C-alpha cells in the first residue's frame, strides 16, 4: 500500500497510551497521521476486556492526582473526568488478615501540612513509627533525600531509619504499587520522585482516582475518534516488520508486503517489541544495547464476582502478609459486588496455574472478610510483562525520545522521564515526542 511522503506526515507504530497521545497531539497540529497497531484493539497494556458480559480492564489501574499530563490530554479530548473518574482524598487502609490494621488519611490542608497531620494521626503506627516517617517526609519536602549513586528502596529506607512497621505497612506496599518492583531491587531515585510529586507539591496530587468506566472509554476510544476526525488513519492488526531508513533518514515502515511512507516514524512500543526493529541499524546500536538490558515484571489482576450486597467500606485497601496485595471495589464503576484483586511484581504466585491462584485468592478473601458470602465467579488476568523492572540504575538505560536517525522517534513509559512505568509516564512521553516533532 505505497504512499507518497507528505511534508507533515507521521507514522505512529503502537496504539497504547503513549502512541495515542502523540498521534492526538500531532493531529491537532495538522499532521497527517497513520497509526499502526498490531492488536485488534487500541489501548496497549491499559485496555478493555470483558468479564461476565461486563466491561473491565486487562488490569485494575489506579491513578493519582499527580497525573497532570493525563488529565490535560483528557481535557483536550473533552472527556469529563467527573463522569469517568472517581476521585477522593487519600485514605488508605493496610491490614493483616484478622490482625493489625494501619490507616493513613490525608486531610484537605495545604502541603506539607496535610502530610504531617496525616502522619501524626495515622492509626496503627507507634510514636516512633510516626516520628521516623515525619523526618523522612520533611526531607522529601525539602528535596534533601538524595544519594549520588542510585540505591535500592530497601537500602534507602534503612538509611532513613524507617521502622519495620513503616516499611512493611506503608512504604513496601506503595513501592510495589507504583514501581511494580520489590523494594530490594527497586530504584530509590525513582521512588523518591514518585513520593515527592505525590505528597510535596499540591494536596490534591495525593488523591486516589479509580476509573468509573473501562479504560478504553477514557482515552483509546475518544483519541481514535479525534485522530480520524482530523483525517488520520488507524489500522488495527497491522504489525510493523521493518523500519525503512535511507542515509540516516527514516522514510517509512513495512508491514509484510505493505509499505507506508512518512517523514517521521514514532515507535510507541514497549522495549521488547521495539528492539527487533532497531537492532540491525548501526546508528541505533546503543539504544538497542540498553533496551536488551531491560527486564520485566508481571501484574496479576483477579476479578472476583460476589453478590451485589458485597460492598467494602473503602473503595481501595491493601492486604498485608498475603498473596493478594490490593483489593479495589468496582462499585464505583456501577459493578456492585465485583472486586478487583491486584498482585504486583514477581513472586511464587506466578508458579501457580489459574485454578490454584484463584483458590488462593478466594481463600484469602474469605479469611480477611469472613462476613462476605461465597464468590460466584473469578477471572484471572496475567500480564507477564506488565512493566519494565524499575530497578536500581534504570535511569541509565532509558533512552531519549529523539534518536540518531533523522525523523525516527521513541515514545513510551520506558523513555527518559521522572516516573516509573505508569499511564502518566506513557502520556508524558507521547506528548513530549509530539512537541519535539513539531519543533523539528
Protein backbone atom coordinates (compact mmCIF):
# COMPACT_ATOMS: atom_id res chain seq x y z
CA UNK A 1 0.00 0.00 0.00
CA UNK A 2 2.53 2.61 -1.13
CA UNK A 3 2.04 6.22 -0.11
CA UNK A 4 3.57 9.49 -1.18
CA UNK A 5 5.58 11.21 1.57
CA UNK A 6 3.79 14.41 2.59
CA UNK A 7 5.88 17.02 4.34
CA UNK A 8 3.91 16.74 7.59
CA UNK A 9 3.25 13.00 7.62
CA UNK A 10 3.83 10.87 10.70
CA UNK A 11 3.53 7.12 11.21
CA UNK A 12 2.88 6.13 14.81
CA UNK A 13 3.66 2.49 15.48
CA UNK A 14 1.70 1.33 18.52
CA UNK A 15 -1.75 2.27 19.80
CA UNK A 16 -1.09 2.32 23.52
CA UNK A 17 -1.46 5.46 25.60
CA UNK A 18 1.89 6.90 24.51
CA UNK A 19 1.16 6.38 20.82
CA UNK A 20 -2.39 7.69 21.09
CA UNK A 21 -1.27 10.79 22.97
CA UNK A 22 1.46 11.50 20.42
CA UNK A 23 -0.90 10.94 17.47
CA UNK A 24 -3.62 13.10 19.02
CA UNK A 25 -1.26 15.99 19.74
CA UNK A 26 0.19 15.89 16.21
CA UNK A 27 -3.23 15.59 14.56
CA UNK A 28 -4.20 18.73 16.46
CA UNK A 29 -1.20 20.47 14.85
CA UNK A 30 -2.28 19.48 11.35
CA UNK A 31 -0.02 16.48 10.76
CA UNK A 32 -1.21 13.61 8.60
CA UNK A 33 -1.30 10.64 10.95
CA UNK A 34 -1.14 6.94 10.15
CA UNK A 35 -1.37 4.80 13.28
CA UNK A 36 -0.46 1.13 13.01
CA UNK A 37 -1.43 -1.24 15.84
CA UNK A 38 -0.63 -4.95 15.80
CA UNK A 39 -3.51 -5.90 18.12
CA UNK A 40 -7.20 -5.92 17.25
CA UNK A 41 -7.90 -3.02 19.60
CA UNK A 42 -6.24 0.12 20.88
CA UNK A 43 -5.08 0.72 24.43
CA UNK A 44 -1.95 -1.40 24.78
CA UNK A 45 -1.50 -2.54 28.39
CA UNK A 46 -4.39 -0.35 29.55
CA UNK A 47 -7.29 -1.67 27.51
CA UNK A 48 -10.82 -3.01 27.90
CA UNK A 49 -11.66 -6.69 28.26
CA UNK A 50 -14.91 -8.47 29.10
CA UNK A 51 -15.90 -10.46 32.18
CA UNK A 52 -19.39 -11.91 32.57
CA UNK A 53 -20.73 -9.51 29.91
CA UNK A 54 -19.29 -6.53 31.81
CA UNK A 55 -16.50 -4.26 30.55
CA UNK A 56 -13.43 -4.39 32.79
CA UNK A 57 -9.74 -3.82 32.07
CA UNK A 58 -6.78 -6.07 31.38
CA UNK A 59 -5.53 -4.89 34.78
CA UNK A 60 -7.05 -2.75 37.51
CA UNK A 61 -5.39 0.64 37.11
CA UNK A 62 -5.36 3.27 39.84
CA UNK A 63 -4.49 6.89 39.07
CA UNK A 64 -3.37 9.62 41.45
CA UNK A 65 -3.92 13.35 41.44
CA UNK A 66 -0.32 13.94 40.36
CA UNK A 67 -1.11 12.60 36.86
CA UNK A 68 -1.33 16.11 35.45
CA UNK A 69 -0.48 15.30 31.83
CA UNK A 70 -3.09 12.53 31.78
CA UNK A 71 -5.78 14.94 32.93
CA UNK A 72 -4.53 17.51 30.41
CA UNK A 73 -4.97 15.20 27.42
CA UNK A 74 -8.41 14.12 28.66
CA UNK A 75 -9.42 17.78 28.92
CA UNK A 76 -8.25 18.41 25.35
CA UNK A 77 -10.42 15.49 24.21
CA UNK A 78 -13.40 16.93 26.11
CA UNK A 79 -13.58 13.93 28.43
CA UNK A 80 -15.45 14.72 31.63
CA UNK A 81 -13.25 13.49 34.48
CA UNK A 82 -16.15 13.81 36.93
CA UNK A 83 -18.17 11.35 34.84
CA UNK A 84 -15.33 8.94 34.10
CA UNK A 85 -13.17 9.05 37.25
CA UNK A 86 -13.95 8.62 40.95
CA UNK A 87 -11.61 10.99 42.81
CA UNK A 88 -11.19 11.01 46.59
CA UNK A 89 -8.65 12.34 49.11
CA UNK A 90 -6.08 9.71 50.05
CA UNK A 91 -7.47 7.26 52.61
CA UNK A 92 -5.53 4.01 52.69
CA UNK A 93 -6.18 1.04 54.92
CA UNK A 94 -3.46 -1.60 55.28
CA UNK A 95 -4.41 -4.75 57.18
CA UNK A 96 -3.19 -8.18 58.12
CA UNK A 97 -5.98 -10.74 57.75
CA UNK A 98 -7.63 -10.99 61.14
CA UNK A 99 -4.83 -8.90 62.63
CA UNK A 100 -3.45 -5.41 62.95
CA UNK A 101 -4.72 -2.55 60.80
CA UNK A 102 -2.96 0.62 59.69
CA UNK A 103 -4.69 3.67 58.26
CA UNK A 104 -3.24 6.77 56.58
CA UNK A 105 -5.69 9.52 55.75
CA UNK A 106 -4.69 12.95 54.48
CA UNK A 107 -6.80 15.95 55.47
CA UNK A 108 -7.76 18.65 52.94
CA UNK A 109 -4.97 21.01 54.03
CA UNK A 110 -2.16 22.68 52.12
CA UNK A 111 1.04 20.73 51.52
CA UNK A 112 3.07 19.80 53.55
CA UNK A 113 0.68 20.33 56.45
CA UNK A 114 -1.68 17.67 55.11
CA UNK A 115 1.10 15.06 55.09
CA UNK A 116 2.40 15.92 58.54
CA UNK A 117 -1.06 15.96 60.12
CA UNK A 118 -1.96 12.75 58.29
CA UNK A 119 1.16 11.00 59.59
CA UNK A 120 0.60 12.26 63.14
CA UNK A 121 -2.97 10.96 63.14
CA UNK A 122 -2.22 7.71 61.31
CA UNK A 123 -3.74 4.73 63.06
CA UNK A 124 -1.86 1.57 63.98
CA UNK A 125 1.56 3.22 63.96
CA UNK A 126 3.59 3.80 67.13
CA UNK A 127 5.00 7.17 68.18
CA UNK A 128 8.42 6.04 66.91
CA UNK A 129 6.90 4.97 63.58
CA UNK A 130 5.31 8.38 63.15
CA UNK A 131 8.41 10.30 64.19
CA UNK A 132 10.65 8.47 61.70
CA UNK A 133 8.04 8.90 58.94
CA UNK A 134 7.75 12.61 59.72
CA UNK A 135 11.51 13.11 59.44
CA UNK A 136 11.52 11.25 56.13
CA UNK A 137 8.55 13.30 54.94
CA UNK A 138 10.27 16.58 55.82
CA UNK A 139 13.35 15.52 53.84
CA UNK A 140 11.15 14.64 50.88
CA UNK A 141 9.54 18.07 51.02
CA UNK A 142 12.90 19.86 51.20
CA UNK A 143 14.35 17.71 48.41
CA UNK A 144 17.17 16.61 50.70
CA UNK A 145 16.72 12.86 50.14
CA UNK A 146 19.49 12.46 47.61
CA UNK A 147 22.25 9.95 47.08
CA UNK A 148 24.87 10.43 44.37
CA UNK A 149 24.56 6.82 43.23
CA UNK A 150 21.20 5.10 42.89
CA UNK A 151 20.45 2.54 45.60
CA UNK A 152 17.59 0.17 46.31
CA UNK A 153 14.46 1.36 48.07
CA UNK A 154 15.23 -1.12 50.85
CA UNK A 155 18.65 0.44 51.38
CA UNK A 156 17.15 3.93 51.25
CA UNK A 157 14.60 3.12 53.95
CA UNK A 158 17.33 1.67 56.17
CA UNK A 159 19.49 4.76 55.69
CA UNK A 160 16.49 6.92 56.57
CA UNK A 161 15.95 4.78 59.70
CA UNK A 162 12.43 3.76 58.86
CA UNK A 163 10.91 1.30 61.31
CA UNK A 164 9.85 -2.22 60.40
CA UNK A 165 6.19 -1.19 60.71
CA UNK A 166 6.68 1.75 58.36
CA UNK A 167 8.44 -0.44 55.81
CA UNK A 168 6.04 -3.38 55.89
CA UNK A 169 2.76 -1.49 56.34
CA UNK A 170 3.41 1.65 54.28
CA UNK A 171 6.48 2.04 52.08
CA UNK A 172 6.71 -1.51 50.70
CA UNK A 173 3.05 -1.64 49.52
CA UNK A 174 3.38 1.84 47.99
CA UNK A 175 6.63 0.90 46.25
CA UNK A 176 5.17 -2.28 44.75
CA UNK A 177 2.03 -0.45 43.63
CA UNK A 178 3.90 2.43 41.99
CA UNK A 179 7.10 0.83 40.65
CA UNK A 180 5.89 -2.80 40.32
CA UNK A 181 9.30 -3.81 41.63
CA UNK A 182 10.25 -5.36 45.01
CA UNK A 183 11.94 -2.95 47.44
CA UNK A 184 15.20 -4.92 47.43
CA UNK A 185 15.53 -4.24 43.69
CA UNK A 186 13.57 -1.01 43.13
CA UNK A 187 15.30 2.27 42.28
CA UNK A 188 15.32 4.65 45.23
CA UNK A 189 15.82 7.57 42.86
CA UNK A 190 12.57 6.87 41.01
CA UNK A 191 10.71 6.06 44.24
CA UNK A 192 11.71 9.37 45.81
CA UNK A 193 10.45 11.24 42.72
CA UNK A 194 7.10 9.46 42.98
CA UNK A 195 6.79 10.26 46.70
CA UNK A 196 7.82 13.88 46.19
CA UNK A 197 5.37 14.55 43.38
CA UNK A 198 2.58 12.73 45.20
CA UNK A 199 2.96 14.33 48.62
CA UNK A 200 5.03 17.52 48.26
CA UNK A 201 3.53 19.71 45.51
CA UNK A 202 -0.24 20.07 45.98
CA UNK A 203 -2.53 18.35 48.45
CA UNK A 204 -4.69 17.18 45.55
CA UNK A 205 -1.76 15.30 43.99
CA UNK A 206 -2.21 12.54 46.57
CA UNK A 207 -5.87 11.96 45.63
CA UNK A 208 -6.74 8.36 44.78
CA UNK A 209 -8.57 8.03 41.45
CA UNK A 210 -10.43 4.92 40.29
CA UNK A 211 -11.92 4.78 36.78
CA UNK A 212 -15.73 4.68 36.72
CA UNK A 213 -15.69 3.29 33.19
CA UNK A 214 -13.41 0.90 31.34
CA UNK A 215 -10.08 2.36 30.24
CA UNK A 216 -10.98 2.08 26.57
CA UNK A 217 -13.73 4.64 27.12
CA UNK A 218 -11.35 7.07 28.82
CA UNK A 219 -8.63 7.54 26.18
CA UNK A 220 -8.44 4.98 23.32
CA UNK A 221 -12.00 5.49 22.01
CA UNK A 222 -12.03 9.33 22.18
CA UNK A 223 -8.47 9.56 20.84
CA UNK A 224 -9.20 7.33 17.84
CA UNK A 225 -12.31 9.38 17.06
CA UNK A 226 -10.28 12.59 17.27
CA UNK A 227 -7.50 11.24 15.04
CA UNK A 228 -9.92 10.03 12.36
CA UNK A 229 -11.91 13.26 12.56
CA UNK A 230 -8.67 15.09 11.75
CA UNK A 231 -8.07 12.95 8.63
CA UNK A 232 -5.83 10.44 10.38
CA UNK A 233 -5.91 6.74 9.50
CA UNK A 234 -5.84 3.92 12.05
CA UNK A 235 -5.01 0.36 11.04
CA UNK A 236 -5.54 -2.47 13.52
CA UNK A 237 -3.95 -5.93 13.24
CA UNK A 238 -1.02 -4.35 11.39
CA UNK A 239 2.37 -5.46 12.69
CA UNK A 240 5.36 -3.41 11.54
CA UNK A 241 8.19 -5.72 10.49
CA UNK A 242 10.79 -3.23 9.29
CA UNK A 243 11.79 0.43 9.51
CA UNK A 244 12.91 1.90 6.19
CA UNK A 245 15.97 4.11 6.56
CA UNK A 246 17.92 5.83 3.79
CA UNK A 247 21.21 7.56 4.67
CA UNK A 248 20.20 8.05 8.31
CA UNK A 249 16.81 9.48 7.36
CA UNK A 250 13.66 7.48 8.05
CA UNK A 251 11.41 7.06 5.03
CA UNK A 252 8.65 4.84 6.41
CA UNK A 253 7.88 1.32 7.58
CA UNK A 254 6.96 -2.06 6.15
CA UNK A 255 4.12 -4.31 7.29
CA UNK A 256 4.78 -7.57 5.48
CA UNK A 257 4.01 -6.64 1.83
CA UNK A 258 2.67 -3.16 2.57
CA UNK A 259 4.95 -0.13 2.67
CA UNK A 260 3.92 3.11 4.40
CA UNK A 261 5.91 6.26 3.73
CA UNK A 262 6.27 9.27 6.01
CA UNK A 263 8.67 11.99 7.06
CA UNK A 264 8.54 10.86 10.69
CA UNK A 265 8.12 7.49 12.39
CA UNK A 266 7.32 7.17 16.09
CA UNK A 267 7.96 3.80 17.69
CA UNK A 268 5.44 3.82 20.54
CA UNK A 269 6.17 0.24 21.58
CA UNK A 270 7.43 -1.42 24.76
CA UNK A 271 11.20 -2.06 24.77
CA UNK A 272 10.98 -5.78 23.91
CA UNK A 273 8.79 -5.01 20.87
CA UNK A 274 10.91 -2.06 19.79
CA UNK A 275 14.19 -3.99 19.92
CA UNK A 276 13.74 -6.20 16.80
CA UNK A 277 13.00 -3.12 14.68
CA UNK A 278 16.14 -1.18 15.63
CA UNK A 279 18.83 -3.75 16.47
CA UNK A 280 20.19 -4.09 12.92
CA UNK A 281 20.75 -0.37 12.36
CA UNK A 282 24.30 0.71 13.36
CA UNK A 283 23.22 4.21 14.42
CA UNK A 284 20.78 2.65 16.90
CA UNK A 285 23.08 0.03 18.43
CA UNK A 286 23.50 1.99 21.68
CA UNK A 287 19.73 2.17 22.18
CA UNK A 288 19.33 -1.49 21.24
CA UNK A 289 22.03 -2.49 23.73
CA UNK A 290 20.24 -0.66 26.53
CA UNK A 291 16.81 -1.99 25.61
CA UNK A 292 18.20 -5.52 25.61
CA UNK A 293 19.18 -4.93 29.25
CA UNK A 294 15.60 -4.24 30.32
CA UNK A 295 13.84 -6.90 32.38
CA UNK A 296 10.14 -7.13 33.09
CA UNK A 297 7.76 -7.73 35.97
CA UNK A 298 4.23 -9.14 35.90
CA UNK A 299 0.95 -7.88 37.32
CA UNK A 300 -1.94 -10.24 38.04
CA UNK A 301 -5.49 -8.95 38.37
CA UNK A 302 -8.27 -11.21 39.59
CA UNK A 303 -11.86 -10.07 39.13
CA UNK A 304 -13.94 -11.77 41.80
CA UNK A 305 -17.70 -11.63 41.43
CA UNK A 306 -19.78 -11.60 44.63
CA UNK A 307 -23.47 -10.91 45.17
CA UNK A 308 -24.30 -7.21 44.76
CA UNK A 309 -24.63 -6.82 48.54
CA UNK A 310 -20.82 -7.10 48.97
CA UNK A 311 -19.54 -3.54 49.29
CA UNK A 312 -16.24 -2.83 51.12
CA UNK A 313 -16.11 0.21 53.43
CA UNK A 314 -13.33 1.74 51.32
CA UNK A 315 -13.02 1.54 47.52
CA UNK A 316 -9.35 0.52 47.82
CA UNK A 317 -7.33 -1.12 50.56
CA UNK A 318 -4.14 -3.14 50.97
CA UNK A 319 -3.75 -6.63 52.38
CA UNK A 320 -0.52 -7.47 54.23
CA UNK A 321 1.11 -10.87 54.57
CA UNK A 322 -0.97 -12.42 51.79
CA UNK A 323 -0.53 -13.20 48.10
CA UNK A 324 -3.33 -10.70 47.39
CA UNK A 325 -1.97 -7.17 47.76
CA UNK A 326 -4.71 -4.67 46.92
CA UNK A 327 -8.47 -5.01 46.62
CA UNK A 328 -10.48 -2.47 44.67
CA UNK A 329 -14.27 -2.28 44.71
CA UNK A 330 -15.78 -1.96 41.25
CA UNK A 331 -18.86 -0.48 42.85
CA UNK A 332 -17.56 2.95 41.77
CA UNK A 333 -17.92 1.71 38.17
CA UNK A 334 -21.51 0.64 38.78
CA UNK A 335 -20.48 -3.01 39.07
CA UNK A 336 -21.78 -3.85 42.54
CA UNK A 337 -20.28 -6.96 44.08
CA UNK A 338 -17.29 -7.07 41.70
CA UNK A 339 -13.90 -6.91 43.42
CA UNK A 340 -10.55 -6.49 41.67
CA UNK A 341 -7.61 -8.13 43.43
CA UNK A 342 -4.19 -6.87 42.31
CA UNK A 343 -0.87 -8.69 42.77
CA UNK A 344 2.10 -6.62 41.61
CA UNK A 345 5.60 -7.84 40.87
CA UNK A 346 7.15 -11.31 40.73
CA UNK A 347 6.59 -14.00 43.34
CA UNK A 348 5.64 -17.63 44.00
CA UNK A 349 2.12 -16.92 42.76
CA UNK A 350 3.44 -16.89 39.19
CA UNK A 351 4.20 -20.62 39.53
CA UNK A 352 0.54 -21.39 40.27
CA UNK A 353 -1.91 -22.17 37.49
CA UNK A 354 -5.09 -20.14 37.25
CA UNK A 355 -7.15 -22.65 39.22
CA UNK A 356 -4.62 -22.77 42.06
CA UNK A 357 -4.23 -19.00 42.13
CA UNK A 358 -8.00 -18.45 42.11
CA UNK A 359 -8.33 -20.83 45.06
CA UNK A 360 -5.57 -18.99 46.95
CA UNK A 361 -7.16 -15.57 46.36
CA UNK A 362 -10.65 -16.70 47.31
CA UNK A 363 -9.34 -18.37 50.47
CA UNK A 364 -7.51 -15.19 51.49
CA UNK A 365 -10.57 -13.03 50.91
CA UNK A 366 -12.70 -15.45 52.93
CA UNK A 367 -10.21 -15.24 55.82
CA UNK A 368 -9.95 -11.45 55.68
CA UNK A 369 -13.67 -10.84 55.19
CA UNK A 370 -15.49 -13.77 56.82
CA UNK A 371 -18.85 -11.96 56.61
CA UNK A 372 -18.73 -11.96 52.79
CA UNK A 373 -20.70 -14.73 51.05
CA UNK A 374 -19.03 -17.18 48.71
CA UNK A 375 -17.88 -15.76 45.38
CA UNK A 376 -19.91 -16.58 42.28
CA UNK A 377 -17.09 -16.44 39.74
CA UNK A 378 -13.48 -15.33 39.23
CA UNK A 379 -11.41 -14.28 36.22
CA UNK A 380 -7.58 -14.24 36.34
CA UNK A 381 -5.71 -11.87 34.02
CA UNK A 382 -1.94 -12.16 33.84
CA UNK A 383 0.23 -9.50 32.22
CA UNK A 384 3.62 -11.25 32.34
CA UNK A 385 5.44 -8.17 31.03
CA UNK A 386 3.15 -5.57 32.52
CA UNK A 387 6.01 -3.13 33.18
CA UNK A 388 9.76 -2.99 32.88
CA UNK A 389 11.56 -3.69 36.14
CA UNK A 390 12.20 -0.27 37.70
CA UNK A 391 15.39 -1.49 39.30
CA UNK A 392 18.48 0.30 40.60
CA UNK A 393 20.23 2.18 37.80
CA UNK A 394 17.28 2.06 35.40
CA UNK A 395 17.64 5.77 34.59
CA UNK A 396 20.96 5.00 32.85
CA UNK A 397 19.19 2.66 30.42
CA UNK A 398 16.21 4.81 29.50
CA UNK A 399 16.61 6.36 26.02
CA UNK A 400 15.72 9.84 24.84
CA UNK A 401 12.72 10.33 22.57
CA UNK A 402 14.92 11.55 19.73
CA UNK A 403 17.21 9.02 18.03
CA UNK A 404 20.27 9.44 15.81
CA UNK A 405 18.15 8.62 12.76
CA UNK A 406 16.56 11.79 11.41
CA UNK A 407 12.78 11.51 11.71
CA UNK A 408 12.80 8.41 13.95
CA UNK A 409 11.43 8.86 17.47
CA UNK A 410 10.68 6.76 20.53
CA UNK A 411 7.66 7.10 22.81
CA UNK A 412 6.66 5.01 25.78
CA UNK A 413 6.72 4.82 29.55
CA UNK A 414 10.29 3.44 29.41
CA UNK A 415 11.84 6.54 27.81
CA UNK A 416 13.57 9.19 29.92
CA UNK A 417 11.14 10.71 32.40
CA UNK A 418 10.82 11.20 36.10
CA UNK A 419 8.31 8.39 36.55
CA UNK A 420 8.13 4.58 36.53
CA UNK A 421 6.00 2.58 34.07
CA UNK A 422 2.65 4.28 34.58
CA UNK A 423 -0.12 5.76 32.48
CA UNK A 424 1.23 9.21 33.34
CA UNK A 425 4.70 8.31 32.11
CA UNK A 426 3.30 6.98 28.83
CA UNK A 427 1.19 10.09 28.25
CA UNK A 428 4.09 12.37 29.18
CA UNK A 429 6.39 10.60 26.74
CA UNK A 430 3.84 10.74 23.91
CA UNK A 431 3.27 14.45 24.45
CA UNK A 432 7.00 15.21 24.62
CA UNK A 433 7.65 13.30 21.40
CA UNK A 434 4.92 15.28 19.62
CA UNK A 435 6.46 18.54 20.86
CA UNK A 436 9.90 17.52 19.56
CA UNK A 437 8.49 16.61 16.15
CA UNK A 438 6.67 19.92 15.96
CA UNK A 439 9.86 21.80 16.85
CA UNK A 440 11.82 19.74 14.35
